[in-house]
PDB file of N, CA and C in Angstrom:
ATOM      1  N   MET A   1      84.704 102.481  76.070  1.00  0.00           N
ATOM      2  CA  MET A   1      83.710 101.756  75.783  1.00  0.00           C
ATOM      3  C   MET A   1      83.885 101.283  74.086  1.00  0.00           C
ATOM      4  N   GLU A   2      83.910 100.282  73.853  1.00  0.00           N
ATOM      5  CA  GLU A   2      83.702 100.073  72.453  1.00  0.00           C
ATOM      6  C   GLU A   2      82.126 100.248  71.734  1.00  0.00           C
ATOM      7  N   VAL A   3      82.254 100.879  70.974  1.00  0.00           N
ATOM      8  CA  VAL A   3      81.139 101.145  70.135  1.00  0.00           C
ATOM      9  C   VAL A   3      81.035 100.531  68.939  1.00  0.00           C
ATOM     10  N   LYS A   4      80.190  99.530  68.614  1.00  0.00           N
ATOM     11  CA  LYS A   4      80.065  99.060  67.116  1.00  0.00           C
ATOM     12  C   LYS A   4      78.682  99.945  66.345  1.00  0.00           C
ATOM     13  N   ILE A   5      79.471 100.229  65.313  1.00  0.00           N
ATOM     14  CA  ILE A   5      78.401 100.751  64.213  1.00  0.00           C
ATOM     15  C   ILE A   5      78.026 100.018  63.235  1.00  0.00           C
ATOM     16  N   VAL A   6      76.547  99.892  62.973  1.00  0.00           N
ATOM     17  CA  VAL A   6      76.391  99.209  61.812  1.00  0.00           C
ATOM     18  C   VAL A   6      75.163 100.288  61.280  1.00  0.00           C
ATOM     19  N   THR A   7      75.308 100.059  59.771  1.00  0.00           N
ATOM     20  CA  THR A   7      74.432 100.639  58.683  1.00  0.00           C
ATOM     21  C   THR A   7      73.885  99.950  57.685  1.00  0.00           C
ATOM     22  N   HIS A   8      72.475  99.964  57.757  1.00  0.00           N
ATOM     23  CA  HIS A   8      71.702  99.070  57.113  1.00  0.00           C
ATOM     24  C   HIS A   8      70.917 100.068  55.557  1.00  0.00           C
ATOM     25  N   ILE A   9      71.289  99.844  54.727  1.00  0.00           N
ATOM     26  CA  ILE A   9      70.976 100.525  53.506  1.00  0.00           C
ATOM     27  C   ILE A   9      70.036  99.794  52.826  1.00  0.00           C
ATOM     28  N   GLY A  10      69.064 100.820  52.470  1.00  0.00           N
ATOM     29  CA  GLY A  10      67.855 100.217  51.728  1.00  0.00           C
ATOM     30  C   GLY A  10      68.439  99.986  49.983  1.00  0.00           C
ATOM     31  N   ALA A  11      67.505  98.811  49.516  1.00  0.00           N
ATOM     32  CA  ALA A  11      68.112  98.287  48.101  1.00  0.00           C
ATOM     33  C   ALA A  11      68.006  99.283  47.045  1.00  0.00           C
ATOM     34  N   ASP A  12      67.419 100.372  47.286  1.00  0.00           N
ATOM     35  CA  ASP A  12      67.307 101.737  46.175  1.00  0.00           C
ATOM     36  C   ASP A  12      68.369 102.683  46.552  1.00  0.00           C
ATOM     37  N   MET A  13      69.101 102.533  47.946  1.00  0.00           N
ATOM     38  CA  MET A  13      70.098 103.317  48.090  1.00  0.00           C
ATOM     39  C   MET A  13      71.503 102.776  47.919  1.00  0.00           C
ATOM     40  N   GLN A  14      71.813 101.715  47.371  1.00  0.00           N
ATOM     41  CA  GLN A  14      73.414 101.011  47.849  1.00  0.00           C
ATOM     42  C   GLN A  14      74.482 102.001  47.166  1.00  0.00           C
ATOM     43  N   ASN A  15      74.005 102.940  46.044  1.00  0.00           N
ATOM     44  CA  ASN A  15      75.173 103.752  45.860  1.00  0.00           C
ATOM     45  C   ASN A  15      75.301 104.949  46.817  1.00  0.00           C
ATOM     46  N   ASP A  16      74.484 105.042  47.618  1.00  0.00           N
ATOM     47  CA  ASP A  16      74.632 106.174  48.308  1.00  0.00           C
ATOM     48  C   ASP A  16      75.284 105.525  49.976  1.00  0.00           C
ATOM     49  N   LYS A  17      75.666 104.269  49.971  1.00  0.00           N
ATOM     50  CA  LYS A  17      76.160 103.671  51.170  1.00  0.00           C
ATOM     51  C   LYS A  17      77.228 104.442  51.668  1.00  0.00           C
ATOM     52  N   TRP A  18      78.355 104.948  50.939  1.00  0.00           N
ATOM     53  CA  TRP A  18      79.417 105.584  51.476  1.00  0.00           C
ATOM     54  C   TRP A  18      79.093 106.948  51.846  1.00  0.00           C
ATOM     55  N   VAL A  19      77.960 107.506  51.359  1.00  0.00           N
ATOM     56  CA  VAL A  19      77.757 108.832  51.873  1.00  0.00           C
ATOM     57  C   VAL A  19      77.141 108.628  53.440  1.00  0.00           C
ATOM     58  N   VAL A  20      76.107 107.838  53.446  1.00  0.00           N
ATOM     59  CA  VAL A  20      75.283 107.300  54.824  1.00  0.00           C
ATOM     60  C   VAL A  20      76.649 107.127  55.718  1.00  0.00           C
ATOM     61  N   ASP A  21      77.728 106.087  55.689  1.00  0.00           N
ATOM     62  CA  ASP A  21      78.932 105.721  56.241  1.00  0.00           C
ATOM     63  C   ASP A  21      79.483 107.000  56.823  1.00  0.00           C
ATOM     64  N   LYS A  22      79.733 108.027  56.029  1.00  0.00           N
ATOM     65  CA  LYS A  22      80.587 109.157  55.913  1.00  0.00           C
ATOM     66  C   LYS A  22      79.845 110.104  56.986  1.00  0.00           C
ATOM     67  N   LEU A  23      78.652 110.424  56.766  1.00  0.00           N
ATOM     68  CA  LEU A  23      77.674 111.049  57.765  1.00  0.00           C
ATOM     69  C   LEU A  23      77.549 110.478  59.033  1.00  0.00           C
ATOM     70  N   VAL A  24      77.250 109.168  59.315  1.00  0.00           N
ATOM     71  CA  VAL A  24      77.084 108.519  60.458  1.00  0.00           C
ATOM     72  C   VAL A  24      78.639 108.839  61.224  1.00  0.00           C
ATOM     73  N   GLU A  25      79.778 108.620  60.766  1.00  0.00           N
ATOM     74  CA  GLU A  25      80.936 108.722  61.093  1.00  0.00           C
ATOM     75  C   GLU A  25      81.114 110.004  61.822  1.00  0.00           C
ATOM     76  N   GLN A  26      80.706 110.944  61.109  1.00  0.00           N
ATOM     77  CA  GLN A  26      81.021 112.531  61.111  1.00  0.00           C
ATOM     78  C   GLN A  26      80.275 113.266  62.299  1.00  0.00           C
ATOM     79  N   ASN A  27      79.232 112.464  62.505  1.00  0.00           N
ATOM     80  CA  ASN A  27      77.944 112.706  63.554  1.00  0.00           C
ATOM     81  C   ASN A  27      78.612 112.088  64.803  1.00  0.00           C
ATOM     82  N   ILE A  28      79.062 110.944  64.776  1.00  0.00           N
ATOM     83  CA  ILE A  28      79.328 110.293  65.987  1.00  0.00           C
ATOM     84  C   ILE A  28      80.726 111.214  66.668  1.00  0.00           C
ATOM     85  N   SER A  29      81.721 111.472  65.463  1.00  0.00           N
ATOM     86  CA  SER A  29      82.985 111.947  66.192  1.00  0.00           C
ATOM     87  C   SER A  29      82.809 113.594  66.488  1.00  0.00           C
ATOM     88  N   THR A  30      81.732 114.219  65.909  1.00  0.00           N
ATOM     89  CA  THR A  30      81.701 115.518  66.350  1.00  0.00           C
ATOM     90  C   THR A  30      80.536 115.860  67.423  1.00  0.00           C
ATOM     91  N   LYS A  31      79.433 115.298  67.154  1.00  0.00           N
ATOM     92  CA  LYS A  31      78.265 115.439  68.125  1.00  0.00           C
ATOM     93  C   LYS A  31      78.218 114.594  69.303  1.00  0.00           C
ATOM     94  N   LEU A  32      78.783 113.379  69.244  1.00  0.00           N
ATOM     95  CA  LEU A  32      78.455 112.250  70.490  1.00  0.00           C
ATOM     96  C   LEU A  32      79.734 111.970  71.080  1.00  0.00           C
ATOM     97  N   ASP A  33      80.712 112.469  70.576  1.00  0.00           N
ATOM     98  CA  ASP A  33      81.971 112.170  71.293  1.00  0.00           C
ATOM     99  C   ASP A  33      81.762 112.418  72.688  1.00  0.00           C
ATOM    100  N   ASN A  34      81.881 113.442  73.088  1.00  0.00           N
ATOM    101  CA  ASN A  34      81.854 113.830  74.551  1.00  0.00           C
ATOM    102  C   ASN A  34      80.414 113.097  75.233  1.00  0.00           C
ATOM    103  N   TYR A  35      79.498 112.685  74.699  1.00  0.00           N
ATOM    104  CA  TYR A  35      78.526 112.181  75.249  1.00  0.00           C
ATOM    105  C   TYR A  35      78.799 110.657  75.594  1.00  0.00           C
ATOM    106  N   LEU A  36      79.195 110.042  74.548  1.00  0.00           N
ATOM    107  CA  LEU A  36      79.861 108.385  74.647  1.00  0.00           C
ATOM    108  C   LEU A  36      80.824 108.355  75.798  1.00  0.00           C
ATOM    109  N   ASN A  37      81.591 109.441  76.199  1.00  0.00           N
ATOM    110  CA  ASN A  37      82.413 109.252  77.233  1.00  0.00           C
ATOM    111  C   ASN A  37      81.687 108.907  78.500  1.00  0.00           C
ATOM    112  N   LYS A  38      80.564 109.167  78.616  1.00  0.00           N
ATOM    113  CA  LYS A  38      79.840 108.889  79.973  1.00  0.00           C
ATOM    114  C   LYS A  38      79.653 107.239  80.058  1.00  0.00           C
ATOM    115  N   PHE A  39      80.052 106.777  79.293  1.00  0.00           N
ATOM    116  CA  PHE A  39      79.682 104.876  79.217  1.00  0.00           C
ATOM    117  C   PHE A  39      81.168 104.520  78.956  1.00  0.00           C
ATOM    118  N   SER A  40      82.271 104.823  79.764  1.00  0.00           N
ATOM    119  CA  SER A  40      83.548 104.598  79.509  1.00  0.00           C
ATOM    120  C   SER A  40      84.160 103.521  80.431  1.00  0.00           C
ATOM    121  N   LYS A  41      83.250 102.945  81.117  1.00  0.00           N
ATOM    122  CA  LYS A  41      83.627 101.623  81.883  1.00  0.00           C
ATOM    123  C   LYS A  41      84.284 100.772  80.851  1.00  0.00           C
ATOM    124  N   ALA A  42      85.044  99.875  81.435  1.00  0.00           N
ATOM    125  CA  ALA A  42      85.835  98.810  80.698  1.00  0.00           C
ATOM    126  C   ALA A  42      85.348  98.148  80.125  1.00  0.00           C
ATOM    127  N   ASP A  43      84.149  97.592  80.858  1.00  0.00           N
ATOM    128  CA  ASP A  43      83.444  96.363  80.366  1.00  0.00           C
ATOM    129  C   ASP A  43      82.256  96.846  79.646  1.00  0.00           C
ATOM    130  N   ALA A  44      81.967  98.233  79.076  1.00  0.00           N
ATOM    131  CA  ALA A  44      80.880  98.652  78.593  1.00  0.00           C
ATOM    132  C   ALA A  44      80.888  98.249  77.333  1.00  0.00           C
ATOM    133  N   GLU A  45      79.761  98.027  76.860  1.00  0.00           N
ATOM    134  CA  GLU A  45      79.446  97.650  75.221  1.00  0.00           C
ATOM    135  C   GLU A  45      78.409  98.726  74.553  1.00  0.00           C
ATOM    136  N   GLY A  46      78.683  98.710  73.560  1.00  0.00           N
ATOM    137  CA  GLY A  46      77.619  99.764  72.804  1.00  0.00           C
ATOM    138  C   GLY A  46      77.403  99.220  71.111  1.00  0.00           C
ATOM    139  N   LEU A  47      76.269  99.462  71.028  1.00  0.00           N
ATOM    140  CA  LEU A  47      75.818  99.194  69.523  1.00  0.00           C
ATOM    141  C   LEU A  47      74.793 100.275  68.984  1.00  0.00           C
ATOM    142  N   ILE A  48      75.208 100.859  67.925  1.00  0.00           N
ATOM    143  CA  ILE A  48      74.434 101.989  67.298  1.00  0.00           C
ATOM    144  C   ILE A  48      74.162 101.464  65.873  1.00  0.00           C
ATOM    145  N   GLU A  49      73.062 101.181  65.296  1.00  0.00           N
ATOM    146  CA  GLU A  49      72.443 100.835  64.273  1.00  0.00           C
ATOM    147  C   GLU A  49      71.734 102.060  63.566  1.00  0.00           C
ATOM    148  N   VAL A  50      72.074 102.266  62.456  1.00  0.00           N
ATOM    149  CA  VAL A  50      71.372 103.578  61.507  1.00  0.00           C
ATOM    150  C   VAL A  50      70.899 102.638  60.220  1.00  0.00           C
ATOM    151  N   THR A  51      69.494 102.879  60.214  1.00  0.00           N
ATOM    152  CA  THR A  51      69.152 102.451  58.900  1.00  0.00           C
ATOM    153  C   THR A  51      68.507 103.377  58.038  1.00  0.00           C
ATOM    154  N   THR A  52      68.694 103.362  56.702  1.00  0.00           N
ATOM    155  CA  THR A  52      68.257 104.774  55.837  1.00  0.00           C
ATOM    156  C   THR A  52      67.615 103.681  54.726  1.00  0.00           C
ATOM    157  N   ASP A  53      66.493 104.417  54.117  1.00  0.00           N
ATOM    158  CA  ASP A  53      65.871 103.704  53.178  1.00  0.00           C
ATOM    159  C   ASP A  53      64.884 104.922  52.447  1.00  0.00           C
ATOM    160  N   LYS A  54      64.494 104.574  51.015  1.00  0.00           N
ATOM    161  CA  LYS A  54      63.504 105.585  50.365  1.00  0.00           C
ATOM    162  C   LYS A  54      62.296 105.137  50.405  1.00  0.00           C
ATOM    163  N   ASN A  55      61.087 105.701  50.528  1.00  0.00           N
ATOM    164  CA  ASN A  55      60.065 105.251  50.770  1.00  0.00           C
ATOM    165  C   ASN A  55      59.264 105.426  49.270  1.00  0.00           C
ATOM    166  N   LYS A  56      57.760 104.994  49.288  1.00  0.00           N
ATOM    167  CA  LYS A  56      57.170 105.178  48.031  1.00  0.00           C
ATOM    168  C   LYS A  56      57.026 106.571  47.543  1.00  0.00           C
ATOM    169  N   LYS A  57      57.243 107.525  48.415  1.00  0.00           N
ATOM    170  CA  LYS A  57      57.512 108.843  47.560  1.00  0.00           C
ATOM    171  C   LYS A  57      58.722 109.217  47.168  1.00  0.00           C
ATOM    172  N   TRP A  58      59.756 108.368  47.447  1.00  0.00           N
ATOM    173  CA  TRP A  58      60.980 108.510  46.828  1.00  0.00           C
ATOM    174  C   TRP A  58      61.625 109.575  47.913  1.00  0.00           C
ATOM    175  N   LEU A  59      61.275 109.620  48.835  1.00  0.00           N
ATOM    176  CA  LEU A  59      61.638 110.529  50.175  1.00  0.00           C
ATOM    177  C   LEU A  59      62.489 109.383  51.095  1.00  0.00           C
ATOM    178  N   PHE A  60      63.199 110.012  51.838  1.00  0.00           N
ATOM    179  CA  PHE A  60      64.210 109.244  52.849  1.00  0.00           C
ATOM    180  C   PHE A  60      63.480 109.218  54.141  1.00  0.00           C
ATOM    181  N   ASP A  61      63.688 107.950  54.536  1.00  0.00           N
ATOM    182  CA  ASP A  61      63.352 107.515  55.908  1.00  0.00           C
ATOM    183  C   ASP A  61      64.658 107.165  56.694  1.00  0.00           C
ATOM    184  N   GLY A  62      64.503 107.109  58.062  1.00  0.00           N
ATOM    185  CA  GLY A  62      65.604 106.879  58.707  1.00  0.00           C
ATOM    186  C   GLY A  62      65.387 106.374  59.910  1.00  0.00           C
ATOM    187  N   LYS A  63      66.311 105.555  60.614  1.00  0.00           N
ATOM    188  CA  LYS A  63      66.133 105.179  62.193  1.00  0.00           C
ATOM    189  C   LYS A  63      67.488 104.808  62.775  1.00  0.00           C
ATOM    190  N   ILE A  64      67.552 105.341  64.036  1.00  0.00           N
ATOM    191  CA  ILE A  64      68.797 104.730  64.759  1.00  0.00           C
ATOM    192  C   ILE A  64      68.168 104.214  66.015  1.00  0.00           C
ATOM    193  N   GLN A  65      68.883 102.986  66.283  1.00  0.00           N
ATOM    194  CA  GLN A  65      68.777 102.183  67.261  1.00  0.00           C
ATOM    195  C   GLN A  65      70.005 102.252  67.873  1.00  0.00           C
ATOM    196  N   ALA A  66      69.767 102.549  69.266  1.00  0.00           N
ATOM    197  CA  ALA A  66      71.254 102.092  70.183  1.00  0.00           C
ATOM    198  C   ALA A  66      70.955 101.422  71.626  1.00  0.00           C
ATOM    199  N   ASN A  67      72.073 100.772  71.763  1.00  0.00           N
ATOM    200  CA  ASN A  67      71.992 100.002  73.034  1.00  0.00           C
ATOM    201  C   ASN A  67      73.419 100.305  73.785  1.00  0.00           C
ATOM    202  N   LEU A  68      73.603 101.348  74.609  1.00  0.00           N
ATOM    203  CA  LEU A  68      75.043 101.664  75.172  1.00  0.00           C
ATOM    204  C   LEU A  68      74.712 101.576  76.543  1.00  0.00           C
ATOM    205  N   ASP A  69      75.605 100.435  76.935  1.00  0.00           N
ATOM    206  CA  ASP A  69      75.828  99.930  78.481  1.00  0.00           C
ATOM    207  C   ASP A  69      74.473  99.837  79.020  1.00  0.00           C
ATOM    208  N   GLY A  70      73.648  98.942  78.246  1.00  0.00           N
ATOM    209  CA  GLY A  70      72.260  98.619  78.707  1.00  0.00           C
ATOM    210  C   GLY A  70      71.072  99.794  78.753  1.00  0.00           C
ATOM    211  N   LYS A  71      71.422 100.884  78.122  1.00  0.00           N
ATOM    212  CA  LYS A  71      70.722 102.145  77.915  1.00  0.00           C
ATOM    213  C   LYS A  71      69.971 101.916  76.458  1.00  0.00           C
ATOM    214  N   SER A  72      68.917 101.830  76.493  1.00  0.00           N
ATOM    215  CA  SER A  72      68.458 101.874  74.509  1.00  0.00           C
ATOM    216  C   SER A  72      67.736 102.749  74.245  1.00  0.00           C
ATOM    217  N   PHE A  73      68.300 103.334  73.188  1.00  0.00           N
ATOM    218  CA  PHE A  73      67.484 104.575  72.308  1.00  0.00           C
ATOM    219  C   PHE A  73      66.806 104.167  70.994  1.00  0.00           C
ATOM    220  N   ARG A  74      65.905 104.821  70.374  1.00  0.00           N
ATOM    221  CA  ARG A  74      65.419 104.641  69.324  1.00  0.00           C
ATOM    222  C   ARG A  74      64.904 106.107  68.677  1.00  0.00           C
ATOM    223  N   PHE A  75      65.040 106.155  67.481  1.00  0.00           N
ATOM    224  CA  PHE A  75      64.782 107.624  66.770  1.00  0.00           C
ATOM    225  C   PHE A  75      64.423 107.160  65.456  1.00  0.00           C
ATOM    226  N   GLU A  76      63.406 107.668  64.934  1.00  0.00           N
ATOM    227  CA  GLU A  76      63.007 107.211  63.686  1.00  0.00           C
ATOM    228  C   GLU A  76      62.207 108.948  63.066  1.00  0.00           C
ATOM    229  N   ARG A  77      62.505 108.814  61.930  1.00  0.00           N
ATOM    230  CA  ARG A  77      62.162 110.130  61.016  1.00  0.00           C
ATOM    231  C   ARG A  77      61.775 109.551  59.730  1.00  0.00           C
ATOM    232  N   GLU A  78      60.819 110.432  59.050  1.00  0.00           N
ATOM    233  CA  GLU A  78      60.256 110.088  57.756  1.00  0.00           C
ATOM    234  C   GLU A  78      60.094 111.273  56.643  1.00  0.00           C
ATOM    235  N   ASP A  79      60.082 111.083  55.612  1.00  0.00           N
ATOM    236  CA  ASP A  79      59.811 112.072  54.616  1.00  0.00           C
ATOM    237  C   ASP A  79      60.762 113.195  54.259  1.00  0.00           C
ATOM    238  N   TYR A  80      62.043 112.914  54.326  1.00  0.00           N
ATOM    239  CA  TYR A  80      63.007 113.680  54.072  1.00  0.00           C
ATOM    240  C   TYR A  80      63.665 114.018  52.791  1.00  0.00           C
ATOM    241  N   LYS A  81      63.664 115.304  52.281  1.00  0.00           N
ATOM    242  CA  LYS A  81      64.123 115.452  50.820  1.00  0.00           C
ATOM    243  C   LYS A  81      65.492 115.079  50.897  1.00  0.00           C
ATOM    244  N   ASN A  82      66.564 115.559  51.965  1.00  0.00           N
ATOM    245  CA  ASN A  82      67.982 115.574  51.927  1.00  0.00           C
ATOM    246  C   ASN A  82      68.346 114.197  52.810  1.00  0.00           C
ATOM    247  N   LEU A  83      69.422 113.291  52.185  1.00  0.00           N
ATOM    248  CA  LEU A  83      69.837 112.417  53.276  1.00  0.00           C
ATOM    249  C   LEU A  83      70.440 112.994  54.411  1.00  0.00           C
ATOM    250  N   ASP A  84      71.381 114.047  53.995  1.00  0.00           N
ATOM    251  CA  ASP A  84      72.208 114.604  55.104  1.00  0.00           C
ATOM    252  C   ASP A  84      71.400 115.124  56.098  1.00  0.00           C
ATOM    253  N   ASP A  85      70.257 116.042  55.771  1.00  0.00           N
ATOM    254  CA  ASP A  85      69.469 116.527  56.887  1.00  0.00           C
ATOM    255  C   ASP A  85      68.736 115.556  57.589  1.00  0.00           C
ATOM    256  N   LEU A  86      68.429 114.330  57.126  1.00  0.00           N
ATOM    257  CA  LEU A  86      67.723 113.113  58.041  1.00  0.00           C
ATOM    258  C   LEU A  86      68.617 112.743  59.039  1.00  0.00           C
ATOM    259  N   ILE A  87      69.789 112.227  58.490  1.00  0.00           N
ATOM    260  CA  ILE A  87      70.995 111.751  59.442  1.00  0.00           C
ATOM    261  C   ILE A  87      71.306 112.648  60.517  1.00  0.00           C
ATOM    262  N   ASN A  88      71.576 113.976  60.124  1.00  0.00           N
ATOM    263  CA  ASN A  88      71.899 114.863  60.974  1.00  0.00           C
ATOM    264  C   ASN A  88      70.717 115.358  62.198  1.00  0.00           C
ATOM    265  N   HIS A  89      69.557 115.353  61.778  1.00  0.00           N
ATOM    266  CA  HIS A  89      68.649 115.265  62.410  1.00  0.00           C
ATOM    267  C   HIS A  89      68.452 114.138  63.635  1.00  0.00           C
ATOM    268  N   LEU A  90      68.332 113.123  63.172  1.00  0.00           N
ATOM    269  CA  LEU A  90      68.464 111.957  63.873  1.00  0.00           C
ATOM    270  C   LEU A  90      69.474 112.212  65.192  1.00  0.00           C
ATOM    271  N   PHE A  91      70.645 112.297  64.712  1.00  0.00           N
ATOM    272  CA  PHE A  91      71.568 112.459  65.737  1.00  0.00           C
ATOM    273  C   PHE A  91      71.886 113.434  66.560  1.00  0.00           C
ATOM    274  N   GLU A  92      70.824 114.400  66.040  1.00  0.00           N
ATOM    275  CA  GLU A  92      70.789 115.842  67.206  1.00  0.00           C
ATOM    276  C   GLU A  92      70.125 115.161  68.199  1.00  0.00           C
ATOM    277  N   HIS A  93      68.536 114.332  67.885  1.00  0.00           N
ATOM    278  CA  HIS A  93      67.891 114.262  68.910  1.00  0.00           C
ATOM    279  C   HIS A  93      68.532 112.876  69.397  1.00  0.00           C
ATOM    280  N   PHE A  94      69.507 111.970  69.199  1.00  0.00           N
ATOM    281  CA  PHE A  94      70.065 111.226  69.792  1.00  0.00           C
ATOM    282  C   PHE A  94      71.137 112.053  70.970  1.00  0.00           C
ATOM    283  N   LYS A  95      71.627 112.844  70.295  1.00  0.00           N
ATOM    284  CA  LYS A  95      72.726 113.793  71.285  1.00  0.00           C
ATOM    285  C   LYS A  95      71.908 114.215  72.375  1.00  0.00           C
ATOM    286  N   GLU A  96      70.406 114.870  72.283  1.00  0.00           N
ATOM    287  CA  GLU A  96      69.700 115.678  73.253  1.00  0.00           C
ATOM    288  C   GLU A  96      69.377 114.463  74.294  1.00  0.00           C
ATOM    289  N   SER A  97      68.831 113.348  73.756  1.00  0.00           N
ATOM    290  CA  SER A  97      68.735 112.248  74.841  1.00  0.00           C
ATOM    291  C   SER A  97      69.853 111.679  75.686  1.00  0.00           C
ATOM    292  N   LEU A  98      71.111 111.651  75.081  1.00  0.00           N
ATOM    293  CA  LEU A  98      72.518 111.527  75.677  1.00  0.00           C
ATOM    294  C   LEU A  98      72.614 112.514  76.809  1.00  0.00           C
ATOM    295  N   SER A  99      72.485 114.039  76.640  1.00  0.00           N
ATOM    296  CA  SER A  99      72.647 114.897  77.338  1.00  0.00           C
ATOM    297  C   SER A  99      71.554 115.001  78.730  1.00  0.00           C
ATOM    298  N   ALA A 100      70.749 114.207  78.517  1.00  0.00           N
ATOM    299  CA  ALA A 100      69.652 114.195  79.775  1.00  0.00           C
ATOM    300  C   ALA A 100      70.042 113.255  80.631  1.00  0.00           C
ATOM    301  N   LEU A 101      70.992 112.086  80.367  1.00  0.00           N
ATOM    302  CA  LEU A 101      71.491 111.413  81.300  1.00  0.00           C
ATOM    303  C   LEU A 101      72.184 111.909  82.286  1.00  0.00           C
TER     304      LEU A 101
END
């Protein structure tokens, strides 16, 4: 399955885009690689969208929306002090959902 990965970065975080991209790639390659193999049919399509932004409290908010071979997933978290903790936490929940399939 070919998985397309799209990251959306808030206006206040443009300097952090490379960090978000690196964390997303790292989480997909280390946490999700075995779970994504469940969707390895030749005609399967996948899209993972990761959105991060800063809120009014200057804390990080994030969201993962994914569609893997017709199965939809959505995870959202708010008010994280550390960007890496937010992204790692979102992917941990994503992994747990994939392991239940």
